[in-house]
Amino acid sequence: TTQAATTTQAATTKAGELCNGKYSSITGTACACTTDCYTCSWANGAAVVGSCSVCKNQRYLLNGVCVASCPSGYTAQGTGNFNRMCIAVPAETTLSTTTTTTTTTTTT
């Protein structure tokens, strides 16, 4: 009977289902994202790896994964326990300057 219940739960999984906190957004059944992730995609009774959209425990969201700190090239955004993110720092734009040197020779 346990196997039948698992099959029924997997069959009722809908596209776009999220695990938000501890419950499925569609079925209302218990769920759990990966460590430090509060909201993630949920499919076939399991969290979809790399699908986190909201981190918890003061972690930063970076490409679907929760990290303790943002790597080089990213800036940390947010405070508190939830909704912190790593935001890509735009590449610095360097302005090209041209220096023209004029030499004048005067002969007398």
PDB file of N, CA and C in Angstrom:
ATOM      1  N   THR A   1       0.821  -1.210   0.000  1.00  0.00           N
ATOM      2  CA  THR A   1       0.000   0.000   0.000  1.00  0.00           C
ATOM      3  C   THR A   1       0.856   1.262   0.000  1.00  0.00           C
ATOM      4  N   THR A   2       2.054   1.202   0.560  1.00  0.00           N
ATOM      5  CA  THR A   2       2.930   2.362   0.558  1.00  0.00           C
ATOM      6  C   THR A   2       3.330   2.719  -0.863  1.00  0.00           C
ATOM      7  N   GLN A   3       3.613   1.720  -1.668  1.00  0.00           N
ATOM      8  CA  GLN A   3       4.006   1.956  -3.049  1.00  0.00           C
ATOM      9  C   GLN A   3       2.867   2.607  -3.825  1.00  0.00           C
ATOM     10  N   ALA A   4       1.641   2.191  -3.604  1.00  0.00           N
ATOM     11  CA  ALA A   4       0.485   2.764  -4.290  1.00  0.00           C
ATOM     12  C   ALA A   4       0.304   4.230  -3.909  1.00  0.00           C
ATOM     13  N   ALA A   5       0.519   4.583  -2.629  1.00  0.00           N
ATOM     14  CA  ALA A   5       0.381   5.967  -2.181  1.00  0.00           C
ATOM     15  C   ALA A   5       1.439   6.842  -2.829  1.00  0.00           C
ATOM     16  N   THR A   6       2.658   6.346  -2.954  1.00  0.00           N
ATOM     17  CA  THR A   6       3.730   7.092  -3.595  1.00  0.00           C
ATOM     18  C   THR A   6       3.414   7.333  -5.059  1.00  0.00           C
ATOM     19  N   THR A   7       2.917   6.345  -5.750  1.00  0.00           N
ATOM     20  CA  THR A   7       2.560   6.475  -7.155  1.00  0.00           C
ATOM     21  C   THR A   7       1.458   7.505  -7.335  1.00  0.00           C
ATOM     22  N   THR A   8       0.458   7.507  -6.464  1.00  0.00           N
ATOM     23  CA  THR A   8      -0.634   8.468  -6.552  1.00  0.00           C
ATOM     24  C   THR A   8      -0.124   9.884  -6.343  1.00  0.00           C
ATOM     25  N   GLN A   9       0.762  10.075  -5.368  1.00  0.00           N
ATOM     26  CA  GLN A   9       1.309  11.401  -5.110  1.00  0.00           C
ATOM     27  C   GLN A   9       2.105  11.890  -6.310  1.00  0.00           C
ATOM     28  N   ALA A  10       2.924  11.057  -6.917  1.00  0.00           N
ATOM     29  CA  ALA A  10       3.710  11.446  -8.082  1.00  0.00           C
ATOM     30  C   ALA A  10       2.805  11.772  -9.257  1.00  0.00           C
ATOM     31  N   ALA A  11       1.720  11.039  -9.410  1.00  0.00           N
ATOM     32  CA  ALA A  11       0.802  11.269 -10.520  1.00  0.00           C
ATOM     33  C   ALA A  11       0.076  12.591 -10.388  1.00  0.00           C
ATOM     34  N   THR A  12      -0.097  13.098  -9.148  1.00  0.00           N
ATOM     35  CA  THR A  12      -0.811  14.355  -8.961  1.00  0.00           C
ATOM     36  C   THR A  12       0.109  15.570  -9.019  1.00  0.00           C
ATOM     37  N   THR A  13       1.414  15.367  -9.173  1.00  0.00           N
ATOM     38  CA  THR A  13       2.339  16.482  -9.272  1.00  0.00           C
ATOM     39  C   THR A  13       2.063  17.267 -10.558  1.00  0.00           C
ATOM     40  N   LYS A  14       1.923  18.551 -10.422  1.00  0.00           N
ATOM     41  CA  LYS A  14       1.601  19.418 -11.554  1.00  0.00           C
ATOM     42  C   LYS A  14       2.823  20.245 -11.953  1.00  0.00           C
ATOM     43  N   ALA A  15       2.847  20.655 -13.206  1.00  0.00           N
ATOM     44  CA  ALA A  15       3.922  21.533 -13.674  1.00  0.00           C
ATOM     45  C   ALA A  15       3.841  22.852 -12.922  1.00  0.00           C
ATOM     46  N   GLY A  16       4.974  23.386 -12.543  1.00  0.00           N
ATOM     47  CA  GLY A  16       5.007  24.660 -11.842  1.00  0.00           C
ATOM     48  C   GLY A  16       4.776  24.537 -10.345  1.00  0.00           C
ATOM     49  N   GLU A  17       4.771  23.317  -9.822  1.00  0.00           N
ATOM     50  CA  GLU A  17       4.567  23.128  -8.394  1.00  0.00           C
ATOM     51  C   GLU A  17       5.787  23.625  -7.629  1.00  0.00           C
ATOM     52  N   LEU A  18       5.534  24.324  -6.529  1.00  0.00           N
ATOM     53  CA  LEU A  18       6.605  24.830  -5.685  1.00  0.00           C
ATOM     54  C   LEU A  18       6.491  24.253  -4.297  1.00  0.00           C
ATOM     55  N   CYS A  19       7.638  24.059  -3.675  1.00  0.00           N
ATOM     56  CA  CYS A  19       7.680  23.752  -2.254  1.00  0.00           C
ATOM     57  C   CYS A  19       7.977  25.092  -1.606  1.00  0.00           C
ATOM     58  N   ASN A  20       7.021  25.597  -0.832  1.00  0.00           N
ATOM     59  CA  ASN A  20       7.167  26.909  -0.205  1.00  0.00           C
ATOM     60  C   ASN A  20       7.129  26.719   1.299  1.00  0.00           C
ATOM     61  N   GLY A  21       8.281  26.839   1.934  1.00  0.00           N
ATOM     62  CA  GLY A  21       8.363  26.555   3.362  1.00  0.00           C
ATOM     63  C   GLY A  21       8.384  25.058   3.574  1.00  0.00           C
ATOM     64  N   LYS A  22       7.250  24.508   3.963  1.00  0.00           N
ATOM     65  CA  LYS A  22       7.171  23.072   4.223  1.00  0.00           C
ATOM     66  C   LYS A  22       6.030  22.403   3.469  1.00  0.00           C
ATOM     67  N   TYR A  23       5.333  23.161   2.588  1.00  0.00           N
ATOM     68  CA  TYR A  23       4.160  22.595   1.927  1.00  0.00           C
ATOM     69  C   TYR A  23       4.136  22.885   0.429  1.00  0.00           C
ATOM     70  N   SER A  24       3.607  21.950  -0.330  1.00  0.00           N
ATOM     71  CA  SER A  24       3.466  22.083  -1.777  1.00  0.00           C
ATOM     72  C   SER A  24       2.450  23.174  -2.106  1.00  0.00           C
ATOM     73  N   SER A  25       2.758  23.979  -3.101  1.00  0.00           N
ATOM     74  CA  SER A  25       1.865  25.060  -3.507  1.00  0.00           C
ATOM     75  C   SER A  25       0.596  24.553  -4.180  1.00  0.00           C
ATOM     76  N   ILE A  26       0.619  23.325  -4.669  1.00  0.00           N
ATOM     77  CA  ILE A  26      -0.547  22.788  -5.390  1.00  0.00           C
ATOM     78  C   ILE A  26      -1.293  21.754  -4.561  1.00  0.00           C
ATOM     79  N   THR A  27      -0.567  20.776  -4.033  1.00  0.00           N
ATOM     80  CA  THR A  27      -1.239  19.679  -3.324  1.00  0.00           C
ATOM     81  C   THR A  27      -1.391  19.940  -1.828  1.00  0.00           C
ATOM     82  N   GLY A  28      -0.592  20.854  -1.280  1.00  0.00           N
ATOM     83  CA  GLY A  28      -0.648  21.129   0.152  1.00  0.00           C
ATOM     84  C   GLY A  28       0.036  20.083   0.999  1.00  0.00           C
ATOM     85  N   THR A  29       0.650  19.088   0.361  1.00  0.00           N
ATOM     86  CA  THR A  29       1.335  18.029   1.097  1.00  0.00           C
ATOM     87  C   THR A  29       2.694  18.529   1.588  1.00  0.00           C
ATOM     88  N   ALA A  30       3.228  17.840   2.565  1.00  0.00           N
ATOM     89  CA  ALA A  30       4.520  18.202   3.127  1.00  0.00           C
ATOM     90  C   ALA A  30       5.624  18.059   2.076  1.00  0.00           C
ATOM     91  N   CYS A  31       6.588  18.964   2.122  1.00  0.00           N
ATOM     92  CA  CYS A  31       7.731  18.917   1.200  1.00  0.00           C
ATOM     93  C   CYS A  31       8.926  19.562   1.887  1.00  0.00           C
ATOM     94  N   ALA A  32      10.087  19.423   1.298  1.00  0.00           N
ATOM     95  CA  ALA A  32      11.295  20.047   1.843  1.00  0.00           C
ATOM     96  C   ALA A  32      12.270  20.331   0.723  1.00  0.00           C
ATOM     97  N   CYS A  33      12.712  21.570   0.645  1.00  0.00           N
ATOM     98  CA  CYS A  33      13.743  21.944  -0.329  1.00  0.00           C
ATOM     99  C   CYS A  33      15.108  21.534   0.227  1.00  0.00           C
ATOM    100  N   THR A  34      16.154  21.782  -0.531  1.00  0.00           N
ATOM    101  CA  THR A  34      17.501  21.485  -0.057  1.00  0.00           C
ATOM    102  C   THR A  34      17.851  22.408   1.111  1.00  0.00           C
ATOM    103  N   THR A  35      18.895  22.098   1.827  1.00  0.00           N
ATOM    104  CA  THR A  35      19.324  22.877   2.977  1.00  0.00           C
ATOM    105  C   THR A  35      19.450  24.351   2.614  1.00  0.00           C
ATOM    106  N   ASP A  36      18.961  25.208   3.477  1.00  0.00           N
ATOM    107  CA  ASP A  36      19.017  26.661   3.348  1.00  0.00           C
ATOM    108  C   ASP A  36      18.126  27.235   2.256  1.00  0.00           C
ATOM    109  N   CYS A  37      17.347  26.415   1.584  1.00  0.00           N
ATOM    110  CA  CYS A  37      16.410  26.897   0.572  1.00  0.00           C
ATOM    111  C   CYS A  37      14.999  26.885   1.145  1.00  0.00           C
ATOM    112  N   TYR A  38      14.269  27.994   0.990  1.00  0.00           N
ATOM    113  CA  TYR A  38      12.907  28.095   1.503  1.00  0.00           C
ATOM    114  C   TYR A  38      11.868  27.780   0.429  1.00  0.00           C
ATOM    115  N   THR A  39      12.099  28.253  -0.792  1.00  0.00           N
ATOM    116  CA  THR A  39      11.165  28.008  -1.901  1.00  0.00           C
ATOM    117  C   THR A  39      11.934  27.409  -3.070  1.00  0.00           C
ATOM    118  N   CYS A  40      11.423  26.265  -3.598  1.00  0.00           N
ATOM    119  CA  CYS A  40      12.070  25.597  -4.721  1.00  0.00           C
ATOM    120  C   CYS A  40      11.021  24.919  -5.593  1.00  0.00           C
ATOM    121  N   SER A  41      11.421  24.533  -6.781  1.00  0.00           N
ATOM    122  CA  SER A  41      10.541  23.749  -7.646  1.00  0.00           C
ATOM    123  C   SER A  41      10.432  22.352  -7.058  1.00  0.00           C
ATOM    124  N   TRP A  42       9.244  21.762  -7.209  1.00  0.00           N
ATOM    125  CA  TRP A  42       8.956  20.456  -6.604  1.00  0.00           C
ATOM    126  C   TRP A  42       8.355  19.578  -7.680  1.00  0.00           C
ATOM    127  N   ALA A  43       8.942  18.425  -7.929  1.00  0.00           N
ATOM    128  CA  ALA A  43       8.433  17.522  -8.958  1.00  0.00           C
ATOM    129  C   ALA A  43       8.606  16.078  -8.527  1.00  0.00           C
ATOM    130  N   ASN A  44       7.589  15.291  -8.747  1.00  0.00           N
ATOM    131  CA  ASN A  44       7.615  13.855  -8.440  1.00  0.00           C
ATOM    132  C   ASN A  44       8.048  13.565  -7.005  1.00  0.00           C
ATOM    133  N   GLY A  45       7.579  14.396  -6.072  1.00  0.00           N
ATOM    134  CA  GLY A  45       7.852  14.159  -4.661  1.00  0.00           C
ATOM    135  C   GLY A  45       9.244  14.525  -4.199  1.00  0.00           C
ATOM    136  N   ALA A  46       9.960  15.347  -4.972  1.00  0.00           N
ATOM    137  CA  ALA A  46      11.314  15.734  -4.574  1.00  0.00           C
ATOM    138  C   ALA A  46      11.636  17.146  -5.056  1.00  0.00           C
ATOM    139  N   ALA A  47      12.549  17.799  -4.342  1.00  0.00           N
ATOM    140  CA  ALA A  47      13.013  19.118  -4.747  1.00  0.00           C
ATOM    141  C   ALA A  47      13.824  18.992  -6.028  1.00  0.00           C
ATOM    142  N   VAL A  48      13.642  19.914  -6.941  1.00  0.00           N
ATOM    143  CA  VAL A  48      14.415  19.940  -8.178  1.00  0.00           C
ATOM    144  C   VAL A  48      15.742  20.628  -7.862  1.00  0.00           C
ATOM    145  N   VAL A  49      16.838  19.931  -8.074  1.00  0.00           N
ATOM    146  CA  VAL A  49      18.168  20.445  -7.755  1.00  0.00           C
ATOM    147  C   VAL A  49      18.445  21.722  -8.547  1.00  0.00           C
ATOM    148  N   GLY A  50      18.979  22.735  -7.865  1.00  0.00           N
ATOM    149  CA  GLY A  50      19.339  23.997  -8.519  1.00  0.00           C
ATOM    150  C   GLY A  50      18.152  24.879  -8.850  1.00  0.00           C
ATOM    151  N   SER A  51      16.997  24.642  -8.203  1.00  0.00           N
ATOM    152  CA  SER A  51      15.797  25.408  -8.534  1.00  0.00           C
ATOM    153  C   SER A  51      15.356  26.341  -7.420  1.00  0.00           C
ATOM    154  N   CYS A  52      16.212  26.610  -6.467  1.00  0.00           N
ATOM    155  CA  CYS A  52      15.819  27.465  -5.361  1.00  0.00           C
ATOM    156  C   CYS A  52      15.526  28.874  -5.871  1.00  0.00           C
ATOM    157  N   SER A  53      14.465  29.491  -5.334  1.00  0.00           N
ATOM    158  CA  SER A  53      14.147  30.868  -5.711  1.00  0.00           C
ATOM    159  C   SER A  53      14.124  31.792  -4.499  1.00  0.00           C
ATOM    160  N   VAL A  54      14.100  31.233  -3.275  1.00  0.00           N
ATOM    161  CA  VAL A  54      14.183  32.021  -2.042  1.00  0.00           C
ATOM    162  C   VAL A  54      15.019  31.226  -1.039  1.00  0.00           C
ATOM    163  N   CYS A  55      16.079  31.860  -0.536  1.00  0.00           N
ATOM    164  CA  CYS A  55      16.928  31.221   0.473  1.00  0.00           C
ATOM    165  C   CYS A  55      16.498  31.646   1.869  1.00  0.00           C
ATOM    166  N   LYS A  56      16.899  30.844   2.860  1.00  0.00           N
ATOM    167  CA  LYS A  56      16.646  31.145   4.270  1.00  0.00           C
ATOM    168  C   LYS A  56      17.970  31.081   5.021  1.00  0.00           C
ATOM    169  N   ASN A  57      17.928  31.319   6.324  1.00  0.00           N
ATOM    170  CA  ASN A  57      19.118  31.213   7.187  1.00  0.00           C
ATOM    171  C   ASN A  57      20.242  32.164   6.776  1.00  0.00           C
ATOM    172  N   GLN A  58      19.883  33.348   6.311  1.00  0.00           N
ATOM    173  CA  GLN A  58      20.846  34.388   5.925  1.00  0.00           C
ATOM    174  C   GLN A  58      21.770  33.953   4.791  1.00  0.00           C
ATOM    175  N   ARG A  59      21.290  33.072   3.916  1.00  0.00           N
ATOM    176  CA  ARG A  59      22.066  32.640   2.759  1.00  0.00           C
ATOM    177  C   ARG A  59      21.683  33.478   1.551  1.00  0.00           C
ATOM    178  N   TYR A  60      22.567  33.520   0.578  1.00  0.00           N
ATOM    179  CA  TYR A  60      22.370  34.311  -0.642  1.00  0.00           C
ATOM    180  C   TYR A  60      22.033  33.401  -1.817  1.00  0.00           C
ATOM    181  N   LEU A  61      21.079  33.810  -2.623  1.00  0.00           N
ATOM    182  CA  LEU A  61      20.685  33.057  -3.813  1.00  0.00           C
ATOM    183  C   LEU A  61      21.634  33.377  -4.958  1.00  0.00           C
ATOM    184  N   LEU A  62      22.211  32.342  -5.545  1.00  0.00           N
ATOM    185  CA  LEU A  62      23.115  32.489  -6.680  1.00  0.00           C
ATOM    186  C   LEU A  62      22.831  31.361  -7.660  1.00  0.00           C
ATOM    187  N   ASN A  63      22.235  31.697  -8.792  1.00  0.00           N
ATOM    188  CA  ASN A  63      21.939  30.712  -9.843  1.00  0.00           C
ATOM    189  C   ASN A  63      21.176  29.488  -9.327  1.00  0.00           C
ATOM    190  N   GLY A  64      20.143  29.722  -8.518  1.00  0.00           N
ATOM    191  CA  GLY A  64      19.297  28.628  -8.040  1.00  0.00           C
ATOM    192  C   GLY A  64      19.838  27.849  -6.861  1.00  0.00           C
ATOM    193  N   VAL A  65      20.946  28.310  -6.278  1.00  0.00           N
ATOM    194  CA  VAL A  65      21.578  27.623  -5.151  1.00  0.00           C
ATOM    195  C   VAL A  65      21.816  28.642  -4.038  1.00  0.00           C
ATOM    196  N   CYS A  66      21.722  28.213  -2.788  1.00  0.00           N
ATOM    197  CA  CYS A  66      21.966  29.097  -1.645  1.00  0.00           C
ATOM    198  C   CYS A  66      23.420  28.981  -1.204  1.00  0.00           C
ATOM    199  N   VAL A  67      24.078  30.140  -1.067  1.00  0.00           N
ATOM    200  CA  VAL A  67      25.494  30.168  -0.694  1.00  0.00           C
ATOM    201  C   VAL A  67      25.677  31.073   0.526  1.00  0.00           C
ATOM    202  N   ALA A  68      26.749  30.831   1.288  1.00  0.00           N
ATOM    203  CA  ALA A  68      27.023  31.607   2.495  1.00  0.00           C
ATOM    204  C   ALA A  68      27.459  33.032   2.178  1.00  0.00           C
ATOM    205  N   SER A  69      28.181  33.221   1.087  1.00  0.00           N
ATOM    206  CA  SER A  69      28.623  34.558   0.681  1.00  0.00           C
ATOM    207  C   SER A  69      28.732  34.601  -0.838  1.00  0.00           C
ATOM    208  N   CYS A  70      28.684  35.791  -1.366  1.00  0.00           N
ATOM    209  CA  CYS A  70      28.733  35.959  -2.827  1.00  0.00           C
ATOM    210  C   CYS A  70      30.172  35.911  -3.320  1.00  0.00           C
ATOM    211  N   PRO A  71      30.396  35.249  -4.443  1.00  0.00           N
ATOM    212  CA  PRO A  71      31.758  35.158  -4.987  1.00  0.00           C
ATOM    213  C   PRO A  71      32.186  36.466  -5.645  1.00  0.00           C
ATOM    214  N   SER A  72      33.440  36.513  -6.014  1.00  0.00           N
ATOM    215  CA  SER A  72      33.979  37.668  -6.724  1.00  0.00           C
ATOM    216  C   SER A  72      33.165  37.919  -7.985  1.00  0.00           C
ATOM    217  N   GLY A  73      32.902  39.183  -8.285  1.00  0.00           N
ATOM    218  CA  GLY A  73      32.108  39.538  -9.453  1.00  0.00           C
ATOM    219  C   GLY A  73      30.632  39.703  -9.133  1.00  0.00           C
ATOM    220  N   TYR A  74      30.266  39.452  -7.865  1.00  0.00           N
ATOM    221  CA  TYR A  74      28.881  39.594  -7.412  1.00  0.00           C
ATOM    222  C   TYR A  74      28.856  40.449  -6.152  1.00  0.00           C
ATOM    223  N   THR A  75      27.754  41.141  -5.943  1.00  0.00           N
ATOM    224  CA  THR A  75      27.577  41.918  -4.732  1.00  0.00           C
ATOM    225  C   THR A  75      26.394  41.357  -3.953  1.00  0.00           C
ATOM    226  N   ALA A  76      26.509  41.341  -2.638  1.00  0.00           N
ATOM    227  CA  ALA A  76      25.449  40.823  -1.778  1.00  0.00           C
ATOM    228  C   ALA A  76      24.342  41.862  -1.652  1.00  0.00           C
ATOM    229  N   GLN A  77      23.093  41.407  -1.773  1.00  0.00           N
ATOM    230  CA  GLN A  77      21.946  42.302  -1.649  1.00  0.00           C
ATOM    231  C   GLN A  77      20.941  41.677  -0.693  1.00  0.00           C
ATOM    232  N   GLY A  78      20.425  42.469   0.230  1.00  0.00           N
ATOM    233  CA  GLY A  78      19.405  42.002   1.161  1.00  0.00           C
ATOM    234  C   GLY A  78      19.917  41.887   2.576  1.00  0.00           C
ATOM    235  N   THR A  79      18.964  41.900   3.517  1.00  0.00           N
ATOM    236  CA  THR A  79      19.271  41.747   4.935  1.00  0.00           C
ATOM    237  C   THR A  79      18.234  40.804   5.534  1.00  0.00           C
ATOM    238  N   GLY A  80      18.455  40.386   6.746  1.00  0.00           N
ATOM    239  CA  GLY A  80      17.512  39.492   7.404  1.00  0.00           C
ATOM    240  C   GLY A  80      17.782  38.041   7.053  1.00  0.00           C
ATOM    241  N   ASN A  81      16.825  37.178   7.370  1.00  0.00           N
ATOM    242  CA  ASN A  81      17.008  35.746   7.167  1.00  0.00           C
ATOM    243  C   ASN A  81      16.615  35.249   5.785  1.00  0.00           C
ATOM    244  N   PHE A  82      15.769  35.990   5.054  1.00  0.00           N
ATOM    245  CA  PHE A  82      15.234  35.537   3.772  1.00  0.00           C
ATOM    246  C   PHE A  82      15.527  36.552   2.664  1.00  0.00           C
ATOM    247  N   ASN A  83      15.393  36.087   1.423  1.00  0.00           N
ATOM    248  CA  ASN A  83      15.440  36.943   0.228  1.00  0.00           C
ATOM    249  C   ASN A  83      16.760  37.672   0.000  1.00  0.00           C
ATOM    250  N   ARG A  84      17.859  37.114   0.408  1.00  0.00           N
ATOM    251  CA  ARG A  84      19.166  37.688   0.080  1.00  0.00           C
ATOM    252  C   ARG A  84      19.579  37.150  -1.283  1.00  0.00           C
ATOM    253  N   MET A  85      20.299  37.960  -2.061  1.00  0.00           N
ATOM    254  CA  MET A  85      20.710  37.547  -3.406  1.00  0.00           C
ATOM    255  C   MET A  85      22.120  38.020  -3.723  1.00  0.00           C
ATOM    256  N   CYS A  86      22.758  37.292  -4.625  1.00  0.00           N
ATOM    257  CA  CYS A  86      24.029  37.730  -5.202  1.00  0.00           C
ATOM    258  C   CYS A  86      23.689  38.347  -6.552  1.00  0.00           C
ATOM    259  N   ILE A  87      24.057  39.605  -6.725  1.00  0.00           N
ATOM    260  CA  ILE A  87      23.775  40.335  -7.957  1.00  0.00           C
ATOM    261  C   ILE A  87      25.089  40.534  -8.712  1.00  0.00           C
ATOM    262  N   ALA A  88      25.085  40.189  -9.995  1.00  0.00           N
ATOM    263  CA  ALA A  88      26.296  40.345 -10.812  1.00  0.00           C
ATOM    264  C   ALA A  88      26.673  41.817 -10.904  1.00  0.00           C
ATOM    265  N   VAL A  89      27.941  42.083 -10.697  1.00  0.00           N
ATOM    266  CA  VAL A  89      28.461  43.441 -10.831  1.00  0.00           C
ATOM    267  C   VAL A  89      28.756  43.658 -12.313  1.00  0.00           C
ATOM    268  N   PRO A  90      28.194  44.716 -12.902  1.00  0.00           N
ATOM    269  CA  PRO A  90      28.462  44.957 -14.326  1.00  0.00           C
ATOM    270  C   PRO A  90      29.954  45.158 -14.571  1.00  0.00           C
ATOM    271  N   ALA A  91      30.407  44.654 -15.684  1.00  0.00           N
ATOM    272  CA  ALA A  91      31.819  44.841 -16.050  1.00  0.00           C
ATOM    273  C   ALA A  91      32.076  46.334 -16.184  1.00  0.00           C
ATOM    274  N   GLU A  92      33.216  46.757 -15.697  1.00  0.00           N
ATOM    275  CA  GLU A  92      33.544  48.178 -15.783  1.00  0.00           C
ATOM    276  C   GLU A  92      33.761  48.565 -17.236  1.00  0.00           C
ATOM    277  N   THR A  93      33.183  49.679 -17.576  1.00  0.00           N
ATOM    278  CA  THR A  93      33.349  50.190 -18.934  1.00  0.00           C
ATOM    279  C   THR A  93      34.547  51.114 -18.919  1.00  0.00           C
ATOM    280  N   THR A  94      35.512  50.818 -19.746  1.00  0.00           N
ATOM    281  CA  THR A  94      36.681  51.681 -19.818  1.00  0.00           C
ATOM    282  C   THR A  94      36.558  52.561 -21.045  1.00  0.00           C
ATOM    283  N   LEU A  95      36.826  53.812 -20.842  1.00  0.00           N
ATOM    284  CA  LEU A  95      36.759  54.752 -21.945  1.00  0.00           C
ATOM    285  C   LEU A  95      38.113  54.827 -22.611  1.00  0.00           C
ATOM    286  N   SER A  96      38.078  54.784 -23.895  1.00  0.00           N
ATOM    287  CA  SER A  96      39.322  54.876 -24.650  1.00  0.00           C
ATOM    288  C   SER A  96      39.636  56.350 -24.879  1.00  0.00           C
ATOM    289  N   THR A  97      40.847  56.722 -24.549  1.00  0.00           N
ATOM    290  CA  THR A  97      41.254  58.103 -24.799  1.00  0.00           C
ATOM    291  C   THR A  97      42.453  58.110 -25.733  1.00  0.00           C
ATOM    292  N   THR A  98      42.477  59.082 -26.566  1.00  0.00           N
ATOM    293  CA  THR A  98      43.583  59.213 -27.501  1.00  0.00           C
ATOM    294  C   THR A  98      44.343  60.476 -27.158  1.00  0.00           C
ATOM    295  N   THR A  99      45.628  60.342 -27.039  1.00  0.00           N
ATOM    296  CA  THR A  99      46.478  61.493 -26.763  1.00  0.00           C
ATOM    297  C   THR A  99      47.254  61.815 -28.024  1.00  0.00           C
ATOM    298  N   THR A 100      47.146  63.060 -28.421  1.00  0.00           N
ATOM    299  CA  THR A 100      47.883  63.503 -29.609  1.00  0.00           C
ATOM    300  C   THR A 100      48.990  64.428 -29.150  1.00  0.00           C
ATOM    301  N   THR A 101      50.185  64.118 -29.588  1.00  0.00           N
ATOM    302  CA  THR A 101      51.328  64.956 -29.256  1.00  0.00           C
ATOM    303  C   THR A 101      51.784  65.650 -30.532  1.00  0.00           C
ATOM    304  N   THR A 102      51.876  66.958 -30.441  1.00  0.00           N
ATOM    305  CA  THR A 102      52.337  67.739 -31.587  1.00  0.00           C
ATOM    306  C   THR A 102      53.700  68.315 -31.255  1.00  0.00           C
ATOM    307  N   THR A 103      54.637  68.086 -32.132  1.00  0.00           N
ATOM    308  CA  THR A 103      55.979  68.609 -31.940  1.00  0.00           C
ATOM    309  C   THR A 103      56.211  69.690 -32.979  1.00  0.00           C
ATOM    310  N   THR A 104      56.576  70.828 -32.505  1.00  0.00           N
ATOM    311  CA  THR A 104      56.845  71.934 -33.427  1.00  0.00           C
ATOM    312  C   THR A 104      58.338  72.228 -33.350  1.00  0.00           C
ATOM    313  N   THR A 105      58.949  72.240 -34.513  1.00  0.00           N
ATOM    314  CA  THR A 105      60.359  72.546 -34.574  1.00  0.00           C
ATOM    315  C   THR A 105      60.498  73.893 -35.293  1.00  0.00           C
ATOM    316  N   THR A 106      61.167  74.790 -34.647  1.00  0.00           N
ATOM    317  CA  THR A 106      61.387  76.101 -35.240  1.00  0.00           C
ATOM    318  C   THR A 106      62.877  76.237 -35.499  1.00  0.00           C
ATOM    319  N   THR A 107      63.202  76.599 -36.747  1.00  0.00           N
ATOM    320  CA  THR A 107      64.615  76.819 -37.068  1.00  0.00           C
ATOM    321  C   THR A 107      64.820  78.294 -37.387  1.00  0.00           C
ATOM    322  N   THR A 108      65.897  78.824 -36.894  1.00  0.00           N
ATOM    323  CA  THR A 108      66.205  80.221 -37.160  1.00  0.00           C
ATOM    324  C   THR A 108      67.578  80.411 -37.702  1.00  0.00           C
TER     325      THR A 108
END
